[in-house]
């Protein structure tokens, strides 16, 4: 459920149109709130646009966390070398574990 005012703002629909849809019974209102499922049925395009905008905002806000990423560390050759180094470390640790398990 979502408050009717919030739904109008998020979906970007005219208040008059929203009131008319409630009056016609397309949307049921419960103590000033509406169901998301009904909004999706009545305003599919606006609902999808709202969802896209919301997802964009989430991505944009989370991108702030990655602004300090060192682009040099994203170089494919460097990443490949790092993967190979880590694989070698994993193999060495696996060999050490095998030795310990064999000596028991």
PDB file of N, CA and C in Angstrom:
ATOM      1  N   UNK A   1       0.835  -1.189   0.000  1.00  0.00           N
ATOM      2  CA  UNK A   1       0.000   0.000   0.000  1.00  0.00           C
ATOM      3  C   UNK A   1       0.877   1.249   0.000  1.00  0.00           C
ATOM      4  N   UNK A   2       0.303   2.271  -0.548  1.00  0.00           N
ATOM      5  CA  UNK A   2       0.999   3.534  -0.691  1.00  0.00           C
ATOM      6  C   UNK A   2      -0.020   4.647  -0.475  1.00  0.00           C
ATOM      7  N   UNK A   3       0.412   5.724   0.148  1.00  0.00           N
ATOM      8  CA  UNK A   3      -0.540   6.826   0.332  1.00  0.00           C
ATOM      9  C   UNK A   3      -0.905   7.385  -1.040  1.00  0.00           C
ATOM     10  N   UNK A   4      -2.139   7.868  -1.143  1.00  0.00           N
ATOM     11  CA  UNK A   4      -2.623   8.398  -2.414  1.00  0.00           C
ATOM     12  C   UNK A   4      -1.750   9.564  -2.885  1.00  0.00           C
ATOM     13  N   UNK A   5      -1.366  10.440  -1.960  1.00  0.00           N
ATOM     14  CA  UNK A   5      -0.508  11.581  -2.339  1.00  0.00           C
ATOM     15  C   UNK A   5       0.834  11.122  -2.879  1.00  0.00           C
ATOM     16  N   UNK A   6       1.431  10.134  -2.220  1.00  0.00           N
ATOM     17  CA  UNK A   6       2.719   9.607  -2.663  1.00  0.00           C
ATOM     18  C   UNK A   6       2.579   8.961  -4.040  1.00  0.00           C
ATOM     19  N   UNK A   7       1.489   8.235  -4.242  1.00  0.00           N
ATOM     20  CA  UNK A   7       1.247   7.582  -5.534  1.00  0.00           C
ATOM     21  C   UNK A   7       1.137   8.612  -6.655  1.00  0.00           C
ATOM     22  N   UNK A   8       0.412   9.687  -6.392  1.00  0.00           N
ATOM     23  CA  UNK A   8       0.249  10.743  -7.402  1.00  0.00           C
ATOM     24  C   UNK A   8       1.593  11.345  -7.759  1.00  0.00           C
ATOM     25  N   UNK A   9       2.406  11.631  -6.749  1.00  0.00           N
ATOM     26  CA  UNK A   9       3.722  12.225  -6.993  1.00  0.00           C
ATOM     27  C   UNK A   9       4.636  11.272  -7.740  1.00  0.00           C
ATOM     28  N   UNK A  10       4.696  10.029  -7.276  1.00  0.00           N
ATOM     29  CA  UNK A  10       5.592   9.052  -7.895  1.00  0.00           C
ATOM     30  C   UNK A  10       5.219   8.741  -9.336  1.00  0.00           C
ATOM     31  N   UNK A  11       3.913   8.600  -9.575  1.00  0.00           N
ATOM     32  CA  UNK A  11       3.463   8.232 -10.912  1.00  0.00           C
ATOM     33  C   UNK A  11       3.386   9.432 -11.847  1.00  0.00           C
ATOM     34  N   UNK A  12       3.377  10.631 -11.278  1.00  0.00           N
ATOM     35  CA  UNK A  12       3.330  11.831 -12.115  1.00  0.00           C
ATOM     36  C   UNK A  12       2.017  11.982 -12.866  1.00  0.00           C
ATOM     37  N   UNK A  13       0.947  11.583 -12.223  1.00  0.00           N
ATOM     38  CA  UNK A  13      -0.369  11.699 -12.859  1.00  0.00           C
ATOM     39  C   UNK A  13      -1.113  12.886 -12.254  1.00  0.00           C
ATOM     40  N   UNK A  14      -2.000  13.486 -13.035  1.00  0.00           N
ATOM     41  CA  UNK A  14      -2.766  14.621 -12.503  1.00  0.00           C
ATOM     42  C   UNK A  14      -3.684  14.183 -11.362  1.00  0.00           C
ATOM     43  N   UNK A  15      -3.770  15.014 -10.356  1.00  0.00           N
ATOM     44  CA  UNK A  15      -4.614  14.720  -9.188  1.00  0.00           C
ATOM     45  C   UNK A  15      -6.083  14.547  -9.604  1.00  0.00           C
ATOM     46  N   UNK A  16      -6.507  15.358 -10.560  1.00  0.00           N
ATOM     47  CA  UNK A  16      -7.897  15.294 -11.042  1.00  0.00           C
ATOM     48  C   UNK A  16      -8.175  13.930 -11.688  1.00  0.00           C
ATOM     49  N   UNK A  17      -7.231  13.447 -12.494  1.00  0.00           N
ATOM     50  CA  UNK A  17      -7.384  12.139 -13.142  1.00  0.00           C
ATOM     51  C   UNK A  17      -7.432  11.024 -12.095  1.00  0.00           C
ATOM     52  N   UNK A  18      -6.571  11.127 -11.100  1.00  0.00           N
ATOM     53  CA  UNK A  18      -6.521  10.135 -10.027  1.00  0.00           C
ATOM     54  C   UNK A  18      -7.856  10.097  -9.267  1.00  0.00           C
ATOM     55  N   UNK A  19      -8.378  11.278  -8.938  1.00  0.00           N
ATOM     56  CA  UNK A  19      -9.658  11.368  -8.232  1.00  0.00           C
ATOM     57  C   UNK A  19     -10.787  10.786  -9.076  1.00  0.00           C
ATOM     58  N   UNK A  20     -10.742  11.054 -10.373  1.00  0.00           N
ATOM     59  CA  UNK A  20     -11.763  10.522 -11.280  1.00  0.00           C
ATOM     60  C   UNK A  20     -11.704   8.994 -11.327  1.00  0.00           C
ATOM     61  N   UNK A  21     -10.503   8.436 -11.366  1.00  0.00           N
ATOM     62  CA  UNK A  21     -10.345   6.977 -11.400  1.00  0.00           C
ATOM     63  C   UNK A  21     -10.832   6.331 -10.101  1.00  0.00           C
ATOM     64  N   UNK A  22     -10.663   7.021  -8.991  1.00  0.00           N
ATOM     65  CA  UNK A  22     -11.190   6.522  -7.712  1.00  0.00           C
ATOM     66  C   UNK A  22     -12.719   6.566  -7.738  1.00  0.00           C
ATOM     67  N   UNK A  23     -13.257   7.686  -8.233  1.00  0.00           N
ATOM     68  CA  UNK A  23     -14.714   7.861  -8.303  1.00  0.00           C
ATOM     69  C   UNK A  23     -15.350   6.799  -9.202  1.00  0.00           C
ATOM     70  N   UNK A  24     -14.659   6.456 -10.304  1.00  0.00           N
ATOM     71  CA  UNK A  24     -15.179   5.452 -11.236  1.00  0.00           C
ATOM     72  C   UNK A  24     -14.959   4.024 -10.737  1.00  0.00           C
ATOM     73  N   UNK A  25     -14.240   3.885  -9.631  1.00  0.00           N
ATOM     74  CA  UNK A  25     -14.026   2.551  -9.060  1.00  0.00           C
ATOM     75  C   UNK A  25     -12.853   1.788  -9.665  1.00  0.00           C
ATOM     76  N   UNK A  26     -12.042   2.464 -10.475  1.00  0.00           N
ATOM     77  CA  UNK A  26     -10.864   1.808 -11.048  1.00  0.00           C
ATOM     78  C   UNK A  26      -9.815   1.538  -9.973  1.00  0.00           C
ATOM     79  N   UNK A  27      -9.789   2.435  -8.978  1.00  0.00           N
ATOM     80  CA  UNK A  27      -8.834   2.315  -7.876  1.00  0.00           C
ATOM     81  C   UNK A  27      -9.623   2.408  -6.573  1.00  0.00           C
ATOM     82  N   UNK A  28      -9.353   1.500  -5.664  1.00  0.00           N
ATOM     83  CA  UNK A  28      -9.966   1.544  -4.339  1.00  0.00           C
ATOM     84  C   UNK A  28      -9.026   2.254  -3.388  1.00  0.00           C
ATOM     85  N   UNK A  29      -9.610   3.061  -2.525  1.00  0.00           N
ATOM     86  CA  UNK A  29      -8.821   3.806  -1.561  1.00  0.00           C
ATOM     87  C   UNK A  29      -9.174   3.312  -0.159  1.00  0.00           C
ATOM     88  N   UNK A  30      -8.132   3.015   0.626  1.00  0.00           N
ATOM     89  CA  UNK A  30      -8.299   2.510   1.981  1.00  0.00           C
ATOM     90  C   UNK A  30      -7.610   3.463   2.952  1.00  0.00           C
ATOM     91  N   UNK A  31      -8.392   4.260   3.680  1.00  0.00           N
ATOM     92  CA  UNK A  31      -7.834   5.235   4.629  1.00  0.00           C
ATOM     93  C   UNK A  31      -6.738   6.093   3.996  1.00  0.00           C
ATOM     94  N   UNK A  32      -6.991   6.552   2.775  1.00  0.00           N
ATOM     95  CA  UNK A  32      -6.038   7.423   2.103  1.00  0.00           C
ATOM     96  C   UNK A  32      -4.903   6.696   1.412  1.00  0.00           C
ATOM     97  N   UNK A  33      -4.968   5.366   1.384  1.00  0.00           N
ATOM     98  CA  UNK A  33      -3.920   4.568   0.741  1.00  0.00           C
ATOM     99  C   UNK A  33      -4.500   3.768  -0.416  1.00  0.00           C
ATOM    100  N   UNK A  34      -3.620   3.414  -1.350  1.00  0.00           N
ATOM    101  CA  UNK A  34      -4.023   2.614  -2.510  1.00  0.00           C
ATOM    102  C   UNK A  34      -3.075   1.428  -2.656  1.00  0.00           C
ATOM    103  N   UNK A  35      -3.563   0.394  -3.326  1.00  0.00           N
ATOM    104  CA  UNK A  35      -2.749  -0.797  -3.538  1.00  0.00           C
ATOM    105  C   UNK A  35      -1.862  -0.632  -4.763  1.00  0.00           C
ATOM    106  N   UNK A  36      -0.634  -1.067  -4.650  1.00  0.00           N
ATOM    107  CA  UNK A  36       0.296  -0.984  -5.773  1.00  0.00           C
ATOM    108  C   UNK A  36      -0.197  -1.789  -6.971  1.00  0.00           C
ATOM    109  N   UNK A  37      -0.814  -2.941  -6.698  1.00  0.00           N
ATOM    110  CA  UNK A  37      -1.315  -3.786  -7.785  1.00  0.00           C
ATOM    111  C   UNK A  37      -2.352  -3.054  -8.628  1.00  0.00           C
ATOM    112  N   UNK A  38      -3.218  -2.295  -7.962  1.00  0.00           N
ATOM    113  CA  UNK A  38      -4.238  -1.541  -8.690  1.00  0.00           C
ATOM    114  C   UNK A  38      -3.609  -0.414  -9.502  1.00  0.00           C
ATOM    115  N   UNK A  39      -2.622   0.249  -8.925  1.00  0.00           N
ATOM    116  CA  UNK A  39      -1.932   1.315  -9.661  1.00  0.00           C
ATOM    117  C   UNK A  39      -1.278   0.762 -10.912  1.00  0.00           C
ATOM    118  N   UNK A  40      -0.697  -0.412 -10.778  1.00  0.00           N
ATOM    119  CA  UNK A  40      -0.021  -1.044 -11.922  1.00  0.00           C
ATOM    120  C   UNK A  40      -1.022  -1.389 -13.023  1.00  0.00           C
ATOM    121  N   UNK A  41      -2.219  -1.820 -12.634  1.00  0.00           N
ATOM    122  CA  UNK A  41      -3.253  -2.159 -13.619  1.00  0.00           C
ATOM    123  C   UNK A  41      -3.806  -0.921 -14.321  1.00  0.00           C
ATOM    124  N   UNK A  42      -4.064   0.133 -13.548  1.00  0.00           N
ATOM    125  CA  UNK A  42      -4.709   1.325 -14.091  1.00  0.00           C
ATOM    126  C   UNK A  42      -3.716   2.222 -14.843  1.00  0.00           C
ATOM    127  N   UNK A  43      -2.471   2.294 -14.338  1.00  0.00           N
ATOM    128  CA  UNK A  43      -1.460   3.175 -14.941  1.00  0.00           C
ATOM    129  C   UNK A  43      -0.196   2.374 -15.286  1.00  0.00           C
ATOM    130  N   UNK A  44      -0.281   1.409 -16.182  1.00  0.00           N
ATOM    131  CA  UNK A  44       0.889   0.556 -16.441  1.00  0.00           C
ATOM    132  C   UNK A  44       2.113   1.333 -16.944  1.00  0.00           C
ATOM    133  N   UNK A  45       1.901   2.283 -17.839  1.00  0.00           N
ATOM    134  CA  UNK A  45       3.039   3.045 -18.371  1.00  0.00           C
ATOM    135  C   UNK A  45       3.683   3.917 -17.300  1.00  0.00           C
ATOM    136  N   UNK A  46       2.845   4.623 -16.545  1.00  0.00           N
ATOM    137  CA  UNK A  46       3.363   5.480 -15.476  1.00  0.00           C
ATOM    138  C   UNK A  46       4.046   4.648 -14.398  1.00  0.00           C
ATOM    139  N   UNK A  47       3.476   3.472 -14.123  1.00  0.00           N
ATOM    140  CA  UNK A  47       4.051   2.593 -13.107  1.00  0.00           C
ATOM    141  C   UNK A  47       5.443   2.135 -13.541  1.00  0.00           C
ATOM    142  N   UNK A  48       5.590   1.745 -14.814  1.00  0.00           N
ATOM    143  CA  UNK A  48       6.898   1.308 -15.321  1.00  0.00           C
ATOM    144  C   UNK A  48       7.902   2.450 -15.325  1.00  0.00           C
ATOM    145  N   UNK A  49       7.450   3.660 -15.716  1.00  0.00           N
ATOM    146  CA  UNK A  49       8.335   4.828 -15.691  1.00  0.00           C
ATOM    147  C   UNK A  49       8.787   5.124 -14.271  1.00  0.00           C
ATOM    148  N   UNK A  50       7.856   5.043 -13.330  1.00  0.00           N
ATOM    149  CA  UNK A  50       8.168   5.294 -11.919  1.00  0.00           C
ATOM    150  C   UNK A  50       9.176   4.268 -11.426  1.00  0.00           C
ATOM    151  N   UNK A  51       8.964   3.010 -11.786  1.00  0.00           N
ATOM    152  CA  UNK A  51       9.872   1.937 -11.371  1.00  0.00           C
ATOM    153  C   UNK A  51      11.266   2.198 -11.932  1.00  0.00           C
ATOM    154  N   UNK A  52      11.332   2.587 -13.196  1.00  0.00           N
ATOM    155  CA  UNK A  52      12.618   2.877 -13.826  1.00  0.00           C
ATOM    156  C   UNK A  52      13.299   4.046 -13.132  1.00  0.00           C
ATOM    157  N   UNK A  53      12.551   5.116 -12.846  1.00  0.00           N
ATOM    158  CA  UNK A  53      13.120   6.278 -12.152  1.00  0.00           C
ATOM    159  C   UNK A  53      13.631   5.884 -10.776  1.00  0.00           C
ATOM    160  N   UNK A  54      12.850   5.071 -10.076  1.00  0.00           N
ATOM    161  CA  UNK A  54      13.242   4.641  -8.734  1.00  0.00           C
ATOM    162  C   UNK A  54      14.506   3.806  -8.787  1.00  0.00           C
ATOM    163  N   UNK A  55      14.571   2.871  -9.721  1.00  0.00           N
ATOM    164  CA  UNK A  55      15.771   2.041  -9.870  1.00  0.00           C
ATOM    165  C   UNK A  55      16.979   2.902 -10.231  1.00  0.00           C
ATOM    166  N   UNK A  56      16.754   3.889 -11.113  1.00  0.00           N
ATOM    167  CA  UNK A  56      17.840   4.792 -11.491  1.00  0.00           C
ATOM    168  C   UNK A  56      18.360   5.537 -10.267  1.00  0.00           C
ATOM    169  N   UNK A  57      17.449   6.025  -9.430  1.00  0.00           N
ATOM    170  CA  UNK A  57      17.858   6.747  -8.218  1.00  0.00           C
ATOM    171  C   UNK A  57      18.642   5.845  -7.270  1.00  0.00           C
ATOM    172  N   UNK A  58      18.208   4.597  -7.132  1.00  0.00           N
ATOM    173  CA  UNK A  58      18.915   3.653  -6.266  1.00  0.00           C
ATOM    174  C   UNK A  58      20.329   3.424  -6.802  1.00  0.00           C
ATOM    175  N   UNK A  59      20.431   3.207  -8.104  1.00  0.00           N
ATOM    176  CA  UNK A  59      21.752   2.983  -8.720  1.00  0.00           C
ATOM    177  C   UNK A  59      22.623   4.215  -8.564  1.00  0.00           C
ATOM    178  N   UNK A  60      22.032   5.390  -8.830  1.00  0.00           N
ATOM    179  CA  UNK A  60      22.783   6.636  -8.722  1.00  0.00           C
ATOM    180  C   UNK A  60      23.276   6.861  -7.298  1.00  0.00           C
ATOM    181  N   UNK A  61      22.428   6.599  -6.314  1.00  0.00           N
ATOM    182  CA  UNK A  61      22.824   6.780  -4.921  1.00  0.00           C
ATOM    183  C   UNK A  61      23.884   5.781  -4.502  1.00  0.00           C
ATOM    184  N   UNK A  62      23.805   4.564  -4.998  1.00  0.00           N
ATOM    185  CA  UNK A  62      24.805   3.559  -4.662  1.00  0.00           C
ATOM    186  C   UNK A  62      26.116   3.797  -5.393  1.00  0.00           C
ATOM    187  N   UNK A  63      26.056   4.477  -6.527  1.00  0.00           N
ATOM    188  CA  UNK A  63      27.270   4.755  -7.287  1.00  0.00           C
ATOM    189  C   UNK A  63      28.224   5.650  -6.503  1.00  0.00           C
ATOM    190  N   UNK A  64      27.680   6.437  -5.603  1.00  0.00           N
ATOM    191  CA  UNK A  64      28.516   7.302  -4.759  1.00  0.00           C
ATOM    192  C   UNK A  64      29.549   6.462  -4.017  1.00  0.00           C
ATOM    193  N   UNK A  65      29.166   5.256  -3.634  1.00  0.00           N
ATOM    194  CA  UNK A  65      30.081   4.379  -2.906  1.00  0.00           C
ATOM    195  C   UNK A  65      31.265   3.925  -3.751  1.00  0.00           C
ATOM    196  N   UNK A  66      31.117   3.996  -5.075  1.00  0.00           N
ATOM    197  CA  UNK A  66      32.154   3.472  -5.956  1.00  0.00           C
ATOM    198  C   UNK A  66      32.946   4.570  -6.672  1.00  0.00           C
ATOM    199  N   UNK A  67      32.736   5.793  -6.291  1.00  0.00           N
ATOM    200  CA  UNK A  67      33.452   6.888  -6.959  1.00  0.00           C
ATOM    201  C   UNK A  67      34.951   6.862  -6.690  1.00  0.00           C
ATOM    202  N   UNK A  68      35.355   6.286  -5.573  1.00  0.00           N
ATOM    203  CA  UNK A  68      36.768   6.264  -5.223  1.00  0.00           C
ATOM    204  C   UNK A  68      37.492   5.015  -5.737  1.00  0.00           C
ATOM    205  N   UNK A  69      36.829   4.241  -6.595  1.00  0.00           N
ATOM    206  CA  UNK A  69      37.449   3.037  -7.138  1.00  0.00           C
ATOM    207  C   UNK A  69      38.594   3.443  -8.055  1.00  0.00           C
ATOM    208  N   UNK A  70      39.739   2.801  -7.866  1.00  0.00           N
ATOM    209  CA  UNK A  70      40.908   3.073  -8.689  1.00  0.00           C
ATOM    210  C   UNK A  70      40.727   2.411 -10.048  1.00  0.00           C
ATOM    211  N   UNK A  71      40.581   3.217 -11.093  1.00  0.00           N
ATOM    212  CA  UNK A  71      40.324   2.688 -12.430  1.00  0.00           C
ATOM    213  C   UNK A  71      41.466   1.799 -12.911  1.00  0.00           C
ATOM    214  N   UNK A  72      42.695   2.052 -12.450  1.00  0.00           N
ATOM    215  CA  UNK A  72      43.818   1.218 -12.862  1.00  0.00           C
ATOM    216  C   UNK A  72      43.637  -0.224 -12.406  1.00  0.00           C
ATOM    217  N   UNK A  73      42.954  -0.405 -11.275  1.00  0.00           N
ATOM    218  CA  UNK A  73      42.721  -1.753 -10.777  1.00  0.00           C
ATOM    219  C   UNK A  73      41.677  -2.495 -11.602  1.00  0.00           C
ATOM    220  N   UNK A  74      41.008  -1.801 -12.492  1.00  0.00           N
ATOM    221  CA  UNK A  74      40.009  -2.430 -13.332  1.00  0.00           C
ATOM    222  C   UNK A  74      40.571  -2.838 -14.693  1.00  0.00           C
ATOM    223  N   UNK A  75      41.858  -2.623 -14.906  1.00  0.00           N
ATOM    224  CA  UNK A  75      42.506  -3.016 -16.150  1.00  0.00           C
ATOM    225  C   UNK A  75      42.438  -4.535 -16.291  1.00  0.00           C
ATOM    226  N   UNK A  76      41.930  -5.051 -17.415  1.00  0.00           N
ATOM    227  CA  UNK A  76      41.772  -6.500 -17.586  1.00  0.00           C
ATOM    228  C   UNK A  76      43.059  -7.300 -17.386  1.00  0.00           C
ATOM    229  N   UNK A  77      44.185  -6.764 -17.855  1.00  0.00           N
ATOM    230  CA  UNK A  77      45.452  -7.498 -17.696  1.00  0.00           C
ATOM    231  C   UNK A  77      45.835  -7.605 -16.226  1.00  0.00           C
ATOM    232  N   UNK A  78      45.646  -6.505 -15.492  1.00  0.00           N
ATOM    233  CA  UNK A  78      45.960  -6.527 -14.062  1.00  0.00           C
ATOM    234  C   UNK A  78      45.024  -7.480 -13.320  1.00  0.00           C
ATOM    235  N   UNK A  79      43.765  -7.465 -13.706  1.00  0.00           N
ATOM    236  CA  UNK A  79      42.803  -8.358 -13.067  1.00  0.00           C
ATOM    237  C   UNK A  79      43.141  -9.817 -13.348  1.00  0.00           C
ATOM    238  N   UNK A  80      43.546 -10.112 -14.573  1.00  0.00           N
ATOM    239  CA  UNK A  80      43.923 -11.475 -14.928  1.00  0.00           C
ATOM    240  C   UNK A  80      45.134 -11.935 -14.119  1.00  0.00           C
ATOM    241  N   UNK A  81      46.131 -11.059 -13.975  1.00  0.00           N
ATOM    242  CA  UNK A  81      47.307 -11.405 -13.166  1.00  0.00           C
ATOM    243  C   UNK A  81      46.911 -11.666 -11.712  1.00  0.00           C
ATOM    244  N   UNK A  82      46.003 -10.833 -11.217  1.00  0.00           N
ATOM    245  CA  UNK A  82      45.553 -10.997  -9.842  1.00  0.00           C
ATOM    246  C   UNK A  82      44.794 -12.324  -9.677  1.00  0.00           C
ATOM    247  N   UNK A  83      43.975 -12.664 -10.644  1.00  0.00           N
ATOM    248  CA  UNK A  83      43.246 -13.936 -10.597  1.00  0.00           C
ATOM    249  C   UNK A  83      44.216 -15.107 -10.589  1.00  0.00           C
ATOM    250  N   UNK A  84      45.223 -15.056 -11.456  1.00  0.00           N
ATOM    251  CA  UNK A  84      46.206 -16.148 -11.518  1.00  0.00           C
ATOM    252  C   UNK A  84      46.976 -16.264 -10.209  1.00  0.00           C
ATOM    253  N   UNK A  85      47.322 -15.118  -9.621  1.00  0.00           N
ATOM    254  CA  UNK A  85      48.030 -15.128  -8.339  1.00  0.00           C
ATOM    255  C   UNK A  85      47.167 -15.752  -7.255  1.00  0.00           C
ATOM    256  N   UNK A  86      45.902 -15.374  -7.230  1.00  0.00           N
ATOM    257  CA  UNK A  86      44.984 -15.923  -6.234  1.00  0.00           C
ATOM    258  C   UNK A  86      44.744 -17.417  -6.446  1.00  0.00           C
ATOM    259  N   UNK A  87      44.665 -17.831  -7.714  1.00  0.00           N
ATOM    260  CA  UNK A  87      44.508 -19.254  -8.000  1.00  0.00           C
ATOM    261  C   UNK A  87      45.709 -20.038  -7.495  1.00  0.00           C
ATOM    262  N   UNK A  88      46.902 -19.465  -7.683  1.00  0.00           N
ATOM    263  CA  UNK A  88      48.123 -20.125  -7.211  1.00  0.00           C
ATOM    264  C   UNK A  88      48.120 -20.229  -5.684  1.00  0.00           C
ATOM    265  N   UNK A  89      47.659 -19.179  -5.019  1.00  0.00           N
ATOM    266  CA  UNK A  89      47.582 -19.213  -3.559  1.00  0.00           C
ATOM    267  C   UNK A  89      46.580 -20.269  -3.086  1.00  0.00           C
ATOM    268  N   UNK A  90      45.454 -20.357  -3.768  1.00  0.00           N
ATOM    269  CA  UNK A  90      44.443 -21.352  -3.412  1.00  0.00           C
ATOM    270  C   UNK A  90      45.016 -22.757  -3.603  1.00  0.00           C
ATOM    271  N   UNK A  91      45.713 -22.972  -4.707  1.00  0.00           N
ATOM    272  CA  UNK A  91      46.319 -24.284  -4.975  1.00  0.00           C
ATOM    273  C   UNK A  91      47.353 -24.626  -3.908  1.00  0.00           C
ATOM    274  N   UNK A  92      48.175 -23.652  -3.528  1.00  0.00           N
ATOM    275  CA  UNK A  92      49.191 -23.884  -2.496  1.00  0.00           C
ATOM    276  C   UNK A  92      48.520 -24.240  -1.164  1.00  0.00           C
ATOM    277  N   UNK A  93      47.472 -23.515  -0.802  1.00  0.00           N
ATOM    278  CA  UNK A  93      46.761 -23.807   0.447  1.00  0.00           C
ATOM    279  C   UNK A  93      46.080 -25.173   0.391  1.00  0.00           C
ATOM    280  N   UNK A  94      45.549 -25.525  -0.763  1.00  0.00           N
ATOM    281  CA  UNK A  94      44.922 -26.837  -0.917  1.00  0.00           C
ATOM    282  C   UNK A  94      45.951 -27.950  -0.750  1.00  0.00           C
ATOM    283  N   UNK A  95      47.166 -27.755  -1.313  1.00  0.00           N
ATOM    284  CA  UNK A  95      48.242 -28.732  -1.163  1.00  0.00           C
ATOM    285  C   UNK A  95      48.656 -28.874   0.298  1.00  0.00           C
ATOM    286  N   UNK A  96      48.728 -27.742   1.004  1.00  0.00           N
ATOM    287  CA  UNK A  96      49.083 -27.788   2.421  1.00  0.00           C
ATOM    288  C   UNK A  96      48.018 -28.535   3.224  1.00  0.00           C
ATOM    289  N   UNK A  97      46.752 -28.301   2.898  1.00  0.00           N
ATOM    290  CA  UNK A  97      45.669 -29.017   3.579  1.00  0.00           C
ATOM    291  C   UNK A  97      45.733 -30.515   3.289  1.00  0.00           C
ATOM    292  N   UNK A  98      46.042 -30.859   2.062  1.00  0.00           N
ATOM    293  CA  UNK A  98      46.164 -32.275   1.700  1.00  0.00           C
ATOM    294  C   UNK A  98      47.285 -32.933   2.487  1.00  0.00           C
ATOM    295  N   UNK A  99      48.418 -32.214   2.636  1.00  0.00           N
ATOM    296  CA  UNK A  99      49.533 -32.767   3.408  1.00  0.00           C
ATOM    297  C   UNK A  99      49.141 -32.985   4.869  1.00  0.00           C
ATOM    298  N   UNK A 100      48.466 -32.016   5.436  1.00  0.00           N
ATOM    299  CA  UNK A 100      48.039 -32.127   6.834  1.00  0.00           C
ATOM    300  C   UNK A 100      47.077 -33.292   6.994  1.00  0.00           C
ATOM    301  N   UNK A 101      46.126 -33.418   6.073  1.00  0.00           N
ATOM    302  CA  UNK A 101      45.134 -34.492   6.155  1.00  0.00           C
ATOM    303  C   UNK A 101      45.767 -35.870   5.936  1.00  0.00           C
ATOM    304  N   UNK A 102      46.787 -35.947   5.076  1.00  0.00           N
ATOM    305  CA  UNK A 102      47.465 -37.205   4.811  1.00  0.00           C
ATOM    306  C   UNK A 102      48.338 -37.643   5.973  1.00  0.00           C
ATOM    307  N   UNK A 103      48.845 -36.704   6.758  1.00  0.00           N
ATOM    308  CA  UNK A 103      49.710 -37.013   7.894  1.00  0.00           C
ATOM    309  C   UNK A 103      48.933 -37.388   9.147  1.00  0.00           C
ATOM    310  N   UNK A 104      47.627 -37.282   9.115  1.00  0.00           N
ATOM    311  CA  UNK A 104      46.831 -37.627  10.304  1.00  0.00           C
ATOM    312  C   UNK A 104      46.665 -39.096  10.459  1.00  0.00           C
TER     313      UNK A 104
END
